[in-house]
Amino acid sequence: LWTQRTLLYLIRRSYAYIYSFMIASEPVSEALLPIYNQLQTLKRCLVEVKNSGGVSTVRELYPYSMKLNSLDNMRVEGKFVVNNDIPEGQGSVTELLAECFELNYDLRVEAEEKEKGE
């Protein structure tokens, strides 16, 4: 009886993990994967910059801003279009782009406050 209960618990627990992973992941098509990977890398960089104390001047954010704007300019009417097709995963990519813009804005505000304080 103890073995059956243990196995049943483990099976239910593994199904719960699989279900939560399926819910958490929205598929991103292969056409959007390069953009998605660039945005993930950019987000990691911005988070790392924020965690290490931010930037001292707004000028230091130019590379991040330029990359964000170049990725944002790839959108046509708010959607990423690849070979005249709108691939799956627009929501994930757009959400990640918005998070990067928000992080960039927060860092910019902090840098402007530092410059005014000096």
N, C-alpha and C. Protein backbone atom coordinates (compact mmCIF):
# COMPACT_ATOMS: atom_id res chain seq x y z
N LEU A 1 0.82 -1.19 0.00
CA LEU A 1 0.00 0.00 0.00
C LEU A 1 0.87 1.27 0.00
N TRP A 2 1.95 1.23 0.80
CA TRP A 2 2.83 2.39 0.87
C TRP A 2 3.50 2.63 -0.48
N THR A 3 3.90 1.58 -1.17
CA THR A 3 4.54 1.69 -2.47
C THR A 3 3.57 2.26 -3.50
N GLN A 4 2.32 1.81 -3.48
CA GLN A 4 1.33 2.33 -4.40
C GLN A 4 1.09 3.82 -4.17
N ARG A 5 0.99 4.21 -2.93
CA ARG A 5 0.78 5.63 -2.62
C ARG A 5 1.97 6.47 -3.08
N THR A 6 3.16 5.95 -2.85
CA THR A 6 4.36 6.68 -3.26
C THR A 6 4.41 6.84 -4.77
N LEU A 7 4.13 5.77 -5.49
CA LEU A 7 4.13 5.84 -6.96
C LEU A 7 3.04 6.78 -7.47
N LEU A 8 1.88 6.70 -6.88
CA LEU A 8 0.80 7.59 -7.29
C LEU A 8 1.17 9.05 -7.03
N TYR A 9 1.79 9.32 -5.89
CA TYR A 9 2.24 10.67 -5.58
C TYR A 9 3.26 11.15 -6.61
N LEU A 10 4.23 10.31 -6.93
CA LEU A 10 5.27 10.70 -7.89
C LEU A 10 4.68 10.93 -9.28
N ILE A 11 3.75 10.10 -9.69
CA ILE A 11 3.12 10.28 -11.00
C ILE A 11 2.33 11.57 -11.04
N ARG A 12 1.55 11.84 -10.03
CA ARG A 12 0.77 13.08 -9.98
C ARG A 12 1.68 14.30 -9.96
N ARG A 13 2.76 14.20 -9.21
CA ARG A 13 3.69 15.33 -9.11
C ARG A 13 4.36 15.58 -10.46
N SER A 14 4.74 14.53 -11.15
CA SER A 14 5.39 14.72 -12.46
C SER A 14 4.39 15.28 -13.47
N TYR A 15 3.14 14.86 -13.43
CA TYR A 15 2.12 15.44 -14.31
C TYR A 15 1.92 16.93 -14.00
N ALA A 16 1.97 17.27 -12.72
CA ALA A 16 1.82 18.68 -12.35
C ALA A 16 2.97 19.51 -12.90
N TYR A 17 4.20 18.98 -12.83
CA TYR A 17 5.34 19.70 -13.39
C TYR A 17 5.22 19.85 -14.90
N ILE A 18 4.84 18.78 -15.56
CA ILE A 18 4.69 18.83 -17.03
C ILE A 18 3.62 19.85 -17.41
N TYR A 19 2.51 19.84 -16.69
CA TYR A 19 1.43 20.78 -16.98
C TYR A 19 1.88 22.22 -16.77
N SER A 20 2.60 22.47 -15.68
CA SER A 20 3.05 23.85 -15.42
C SER A 20 4.06 24.29 -16.48
N PHE A 21 4.91 23.40 -16.95
CA PHE A 21 5.85 23.76 -18.01
C PHE A 21 5.13 24.04 -19.32
N MET A 22 4.11 23.28 -19.61
CA MET A 22 3.35 23.50 -20.84
C MET A 22 2.62 24.84 -20.81
N ILE A 23 2.09 25.20 -19.66
CA ILE A 23 1.39 26.48 -19.54
C ILE A 23 2.37 27.64 -19.65
N ALA A 24 3.55 27.48 -19.05
CA ALA A 24 4.52 28.58 -19.01
C ALA A 24 5.16 28.86 -20.36
N SER A 25 5.18 27.89 -21.23
CA SER A 25 5.89 28.10 -22.49
C SER A 25 4.91 28.30 -23.64
N GLU A 26 5.04 29.44 -24.26
CA GLU A 26 4.29 29.70 -25.49
C GLU A 26 5.25 29.43 -26.63
N PRO A 27 4.84 28.67 -27.62
CA PRO A 27 5.78 28.34 -28.68
C PRO A 27 6.18 29.57 -29.49
N VAL A 28 7.46 29.65 -29.78
CA VAL A 28 7.99 30.70 -30.65
C VAL A 28 8.50 29.99 -31.89
N SER A 29 8.02 30.43 -33.04
CA SER A 29 8.40 29.75 -34.28
C SER A 29 9.88 29.96 -34.56
N GLU A 30 10.41 29.11 -35.42
CA GLU A 30 11.83 29.18 -35.76
C GLU A 30 12.18 30.47 -36.46
N ALA A 31 11.23 31.07 -37.14
CA ALA A 31 11.49 32.32 -37.83
C ALA A 31 11.73 33.46 -36.84
N LEU A 32 11.07 33.40 -35.69
CA LEU A 32 11.21 34.44 -34.68
C LEU A 32 12.29 34.13 -33.65
N LEU A 33 12.85 32.93 -33.68
CA LEU A 33 13.83 32.53 -32.68
C LEU A 33 15.05 33.43 -32.63
N PRO A 34 15.62 33.87 -33.76
CA PRO A 34 16.78 34.77 -33.65
C PRO A 34 16.45 36.08 -32.93
N ILE A 35 15.30 36.65 -33.20
CA ILE A 35 14.88 37.88 -32.54
C ILE A 35 14.65 37.62 -31.06
N TYR A 36 13.98 36.52 -30.75
CA TYR A 36 13.69 36.16 -29.37
C TYR A 36 14.98 35.94 -28.58
N ASN A 37 15.94 35.23 -29.17
CA ASN A 37 17.22 34.98 -28.49
C ASN A 37 17.99 36.28 -28.26
N GLN A 38 17.96 37.20 -29.23
CA GLN A 38 18.63 38.49 -29.07
C GLN A 38 17.98 39.28 -27.93
N LEU A 39 16.67 39.24 -27.86
CA LEU A 39 15.97 39.96 -26.80
C LEU A 39 16.26 39.35 -25.43
N GLN A 40 16.35 38.03 -25.36
CA GLN A 40 16.68 37.39 -24.08
C GLN A 40 18.08 37.80 -23.63
N THR A 41 19.02 37.82 -24.57
CA THR A 41 20.38 38.22 -24.23
C THR A 41 20.42 39.68 -23.80
N LEU A 42 19.70 40.52 -24.50
CA LEU A 42 19.64 41.94 -24.15
C LEU A 42 19.02 42.15 -22.78
N LYS A 43 17.98 41.38 -22.47
CA LYS A 43 17.34 41.49 -21.16
C LYS A 43 18.31 41.06 -20.06
N ARG A 44 19.04 39.97 -20.30
CA ARG A 44 20.02 39.53 -19.30
C ARG A 44 21.07 40.60 -19.06
N CYS A 45 21.53 41.24 -20.14
CA CYS A 45 22.53 42.30 -20.01
C CYS A 45 21.98 43.48 -19.22
N LEU A 46 20.75 43.90 -19.53
CA LEU A 46 20.15 45.03 -18.83
C LEU A 46 19.93 44.71 -17.36
N VAL A 47 19.50 43.50 -17.06
CA VAL A 47 19.30 43.10 -15.66
C VAL A 47 20.64 43.08 -14.94
N GLU A 48 21.68 42.59 -15.61
CA GLU A 48 23.01 42.56 -15.00
C GLU A 48 23.53 43.97 -14.73
N VAL A 49 23.30 44.88 -15.68
CA VAL A 49 23.71 46.27 -15.49
C VAL A 49 22.96 46.88 -14.31
N LYS A 50 21.66 46.60 -14.23
CA LYS A 50 20.85 47.15 -13.13
C LYS A 50 21.30 46.58 -11.79
N ASN A 51 21.59 45.29 -11.75
CA ASN A 51 22.02 44.66 -10.49
C ASN A 51 23.40 45.11 -10.06
N SER A 52 24.23 45.54 -11.00
CA SER A 52 25.59 45.97 -10.65
C SER A 52 25.66 47.45 -10.33
N GLY A 53 24.51 48.10 -10.20
CA GLY A 53 24.51 49.49 -9.78
C GLY A 53 24.08 50.48 -10.84
N GLY A 54 23.73 50.00 -12.01
CA GLY A 54 23.27 50.89 -13.06
C GLY A 54 24.41 51.54 -13.81
N VAL A 55 24.08 52.59 -14.54
CA VAL A 55 25.07 53.32 -15.32
C VAL A 55 25.22 54.71 -14.72
N SER A 56 26.36 55.33 -14.99
CA SER A 56 26.59 56.66 -14.44
C SER A 56 26.08 57.76 -15.35
N THR A 57 26.03 57.50 -16.66
CA THR A 57 25.50 58.50 -17.59
C THR A 57 24.53 57.83 -18.56
N VAL A 58 23.67 58.64 -19.13
CA VAL A 58 22.70 58.12 -20.10
C VAL A 58 23.43 57.63 -21.35
N ARG A 59 24.57 58.22 -21.63
CA ARG A 59 25.34 57.86 -22.82
C ARG A 59 25.74 56.38 -22.82
N GLU A 60 25.94 55.81 -21.66
CA GLU A 60 26.33 54.40 -21.56
C GLU A 60 25.20 53.46 -22.00
N LEU A 61 23.99 53.97 -22.07
CA LEU A 61 22.85 53.14 -22.48
C LEU A 61 22.64 53.14 -23.99
N TYR A 62 23.40 53.94 -24.74
CA TYR A 62 23.19 54.03 -26.18
C TYR A 62 23.26 52.69 -26.91
N PRO A 63 24.25 51.83 -26.62
CA PRO A 63 24.27 50.54 -27.34
C PRO A 63 23.01 49.71 -27.11
N TYR A 64 22.52 49.72 -25.87
CA TYR A 64 21.31 48.96 -25.57
C TYR A 64 20.09 49.58 -26.26
N SER A 65 20.03 50.90 -26.23
CA SER A 65 18.91 51.59 -26.87
C SER A 65 18.92 51.38 -28.37
N MET A 66 20.11 51.42 -28.97
CA MET A 66 20.20 51.22 -30.42
C MET A 66 19.75 49.81 -30.80
N LYS A 67 20.17 48.82 -30.04
CA LYS A 67 19.76 47.44 -30.33
C LYS A 67 18.26 47.28 -30.15
N LEU A 68 17.71 47.86 -29.08
CA LEU A 68 16.27 47.78 -28.86
C LEU A 68 15.51 48.43 -30.01
N ASN A 69 15.95 49.59 -30.43
CA ASN A 69 15.26 50.28 -31.51
C ASN A 69 15.40 49.54 -32.83
N SER A 70 16.56 48.92 -33.07
CA SER A 70 16.70 48.15 -34.32
C SER A 70 15.77 46.94 -34.33
N LEU A 71 15.60 46.30 -33.18
CA LEU A 71 14.67 45.17 -33.11
C LEU A 71 13.23 45.65 -33.21
N ASP A 72 12.94 46.81 -32.61
CA ASP A 72 11.60 47.35 -32.68
C ASP A 72 11.25 47.79 -34.10
N ASN A 73 12.23 48.26 -34.84
CA ASN A 73 11.99 48.69 -36.22
C ASN A 73 11.73 47.52 -37.18
N MET A 74 11.97 46.31 -36.72
CA MET A 74 11.70 45.13 -37.54
C MET A 74 10.21 44.82 -37.58
N ARG A 75 9.44 45.46 -36.70
CA ARG A 75 8.00 45.21 -36.66
C ARG A 75 7.30 45.99 -37.75
N VAL A 76 6.28 45.38 -38.30
CA VAL A 76 5.43 46.03 -39.30
C VAL A 76 4.03 46.06 -38.72
N GLU A 77 3.51 47.25 -38.48
CA GLU A 77 2.19 47.43 -37.89
C GLU A 77 2.05 46.66 -36.57
N GLY A 78 3.12 46.68 -35.78
CA GLY A 78 3.08 46.06 -34.46
C GLY A 78 3.36 44.57 -34.42
N LYS A 79 3.65 43.97 -35.57
CA LYS A 79 3.91 42.53 -35.61
C LYS A 79 5.23 42.28 -36.33
N PHE A 80 5.92 41.24 -35.91
CA PHE A 80 7.15 40.85 -36.58
C PHE A 80 6.78 40.02 -37.80
N VAL A 81 7.20 40.46 -38.95
CA VAL A 81 6.88 39.79 -40.21
C VAL A 81 8.17 39.20 -40.78
N VAL A 82 8.12 37.91 -41.11
CA VAL A 82 9.27 37.23 -41.69
C VAL A 82 8.81 36.60 -43.00
N ASN A 83 9.42 37.02 -44.11
CA ASN A 83 9.06 36.51 -45.44
C ASN A 83 7.57 36.65 -45.73
N ASN A 84 7.03 37.83 -45.47
CA ASN A 84 5.61 38.13 -45.68
C ASN A 84 4.69 37.20 -44.92
N ASP A 85 5.15 36.67 -43.81
CA ASP A 85 4.36 35.77 -42.99
C ASP A 85 4.45 36.25 -41.54
N ILE A 86 3.38 36.08 -40.80
CA ILE A 86 3.36 36.44 -39.39
C ILE A 86 3.51 35.14 -38.59
N PRO A 87 4.72 34.86 -38.09
CA PRO A 87 4.95 33.59 -37.39
C PRO A 87 4.35 33.58 -35.99
N GLU A 88 4.24 32.37 -35.42
CA GLU A 88 3.72 32.19 -34.07
C GLU A 88 4.70 32.72 -33.04
N GLY A 89 4.18 33.09 -31.89
CA GLY A 89 5.01 33.54 -30.80
C GLY A 89 5.14 35.05 -30.72
N GLN A 90 4.25 35.75 -31.40
CA GLN A 90 4.29 37.22 -31.39
C GLN A 90 4.15 37.76 -29.97
N GLY A 91 3.29 37.14 -29.19
CA GLY A 91 3.05 37.60 -27.82
C GLY A 91 4.29 37.52 -26.96
N SER A 92 5.00 36.41 -27.03
CA SER A 92 6.21 36.23 -26.22
C SER A 92 7.27 37.23 -26.61
N VAL A 93 7.47 37.41 -27.92
CA VAL A 93 8.50 38.32 -28.39
C VAL A 93 8.14 39.77 -28.04
N THR A 94 6.89 40.14 -28.22
CA THR A 94 6.46 41.50 -27.92
C THR A 94 6.55 41.78 -26.42
N GLU A 95 6.20 40.81 -25.61
CA GLU A 95 6.29 40.96 -24.16
C GLU A 95 7.75 41.13 -23.72
N LEU A 96 8.64 40.35 -24.30
CA LEU A 96 10.05 40.45 -23.98
C LEU A 96 10.62 41.79 -24.42
N LEU A 97 10.17 42.27 -25.58
CA LEU A 97 10.60 43.58 -26.07
C LEU A 97 10.13 44.68 -25.12
N ALA A 98 8.91 44.58 -24.64
CA ALA A 98 8.39 45.57 -23.70
C ALA A 98 9.17 45.55 -22.38
N GLU A 99 9.53 44.37 -21.90
CA GLU A 99 10.31 44.26 -20.67
C GLU A 99 11.68 44.92 -20.85
N CYS A 100 12.29 44.72 -22.02
CA CYS A 100 13.59 45.33 -22.28
C CYS A 100 13.47 46.84 -22.34
N PHE A 101 12.43 47.36 -22.98
CA PHE A 101 12.23 48.80 -23.04
C PHE A 101 12.02 49.37 -21.62
N GLU A 102 11.29 48.64 -20.80
CA GLU A 102 11.03 49.09 -19.43
C GLU A 102 12.32 49.13 -18.61
N LEU A 103 13.14 48.07 -18.73
CA LEU A 103 14.42 48.05 -18.02
C LEU A 103 15.31 49.20 -18.49
N ASN A 104 15.35 49.42 -19.80
CA ASN A 104 16.16 50.49 -20.36
C ASN A 104 15.68 51.85 -19.83
N TYR A 105 14.37 52.04 -19.78
CA TYR A 105 13.81 53.29 -19.28
C TYR A 105 14.16 53.50 -17.81
N ASP A 106 14.04 52.45 -17.01
CA ASP A 106 14.38 52.56 -15.59
C ASP A 106 15.84 52.95 -15.40
N LEU A 107 16.73 52.32 -16.18
CA LEU A 107 18.15 52.65 -16.09
C LEU A 107 18.40 54.09 -16.53
N ARG A 108 17.68 54.54 -17.55
CA ARG A 108 17.83 55.91 -18.04
C ARG A 108 17.41 56.92 -16.96
N VAL A 109 16.29 56.64 -16.31
CA VAL A 109 15.80 57.54 -15.25
C VAL A 109 16.81 57.59 -14.11
N GLU A 110 17.34 56.45 -13.70
CA GLU A 110 18.33 56.42 -12.63
C GLU A 110 19.58 57.21 -13.01
N ALA A 111 20.02 57.06 -14.26
CA ALA A 111 21.22 57.77 -14.71
C ALA A 111 20.98 59.28 -14.75
N GLU A 112 19.79 59.69 -15.20
CA GLU A 112 19.47 61.12 -15.21
C GLU A 112 19.44 61.70 -13.80
N GLU A 113 18.92 60.91 -12.86
CA GLU A 113 18.90 61.37 -11.47
C GLU A 113 20.31 61.49 -10.90
N LYS A 114 21.18 60.57 -11.26
CA LYS A 114 22.57 60.64 -10.81
C LYS A 114 23.27 61.86 -11.38
N GLU A 115 22.99 62.15 -12.67
CA GLU A 115 23.62 63.31 -13.30
C GLU A 115 23.13 64.61 -12.67
N LYS A 116 21.85 64.68 -12.32
CA LYS A 116 21.31 65.87 -11.69
C LYS A 116 21.86 66.03 -10.28
N GLY A 117 22.08 64.93 -9.61
CA GLY A 117 22.59 64.97 -8.24
C GLY A 117 24.02 65.46 -8.17
N GLU A 118 24.77 65.25 -9.23
CA GLU A 118 26.18 65.67 -9.24
C GLU A 118 26.26 67.05 -9.70
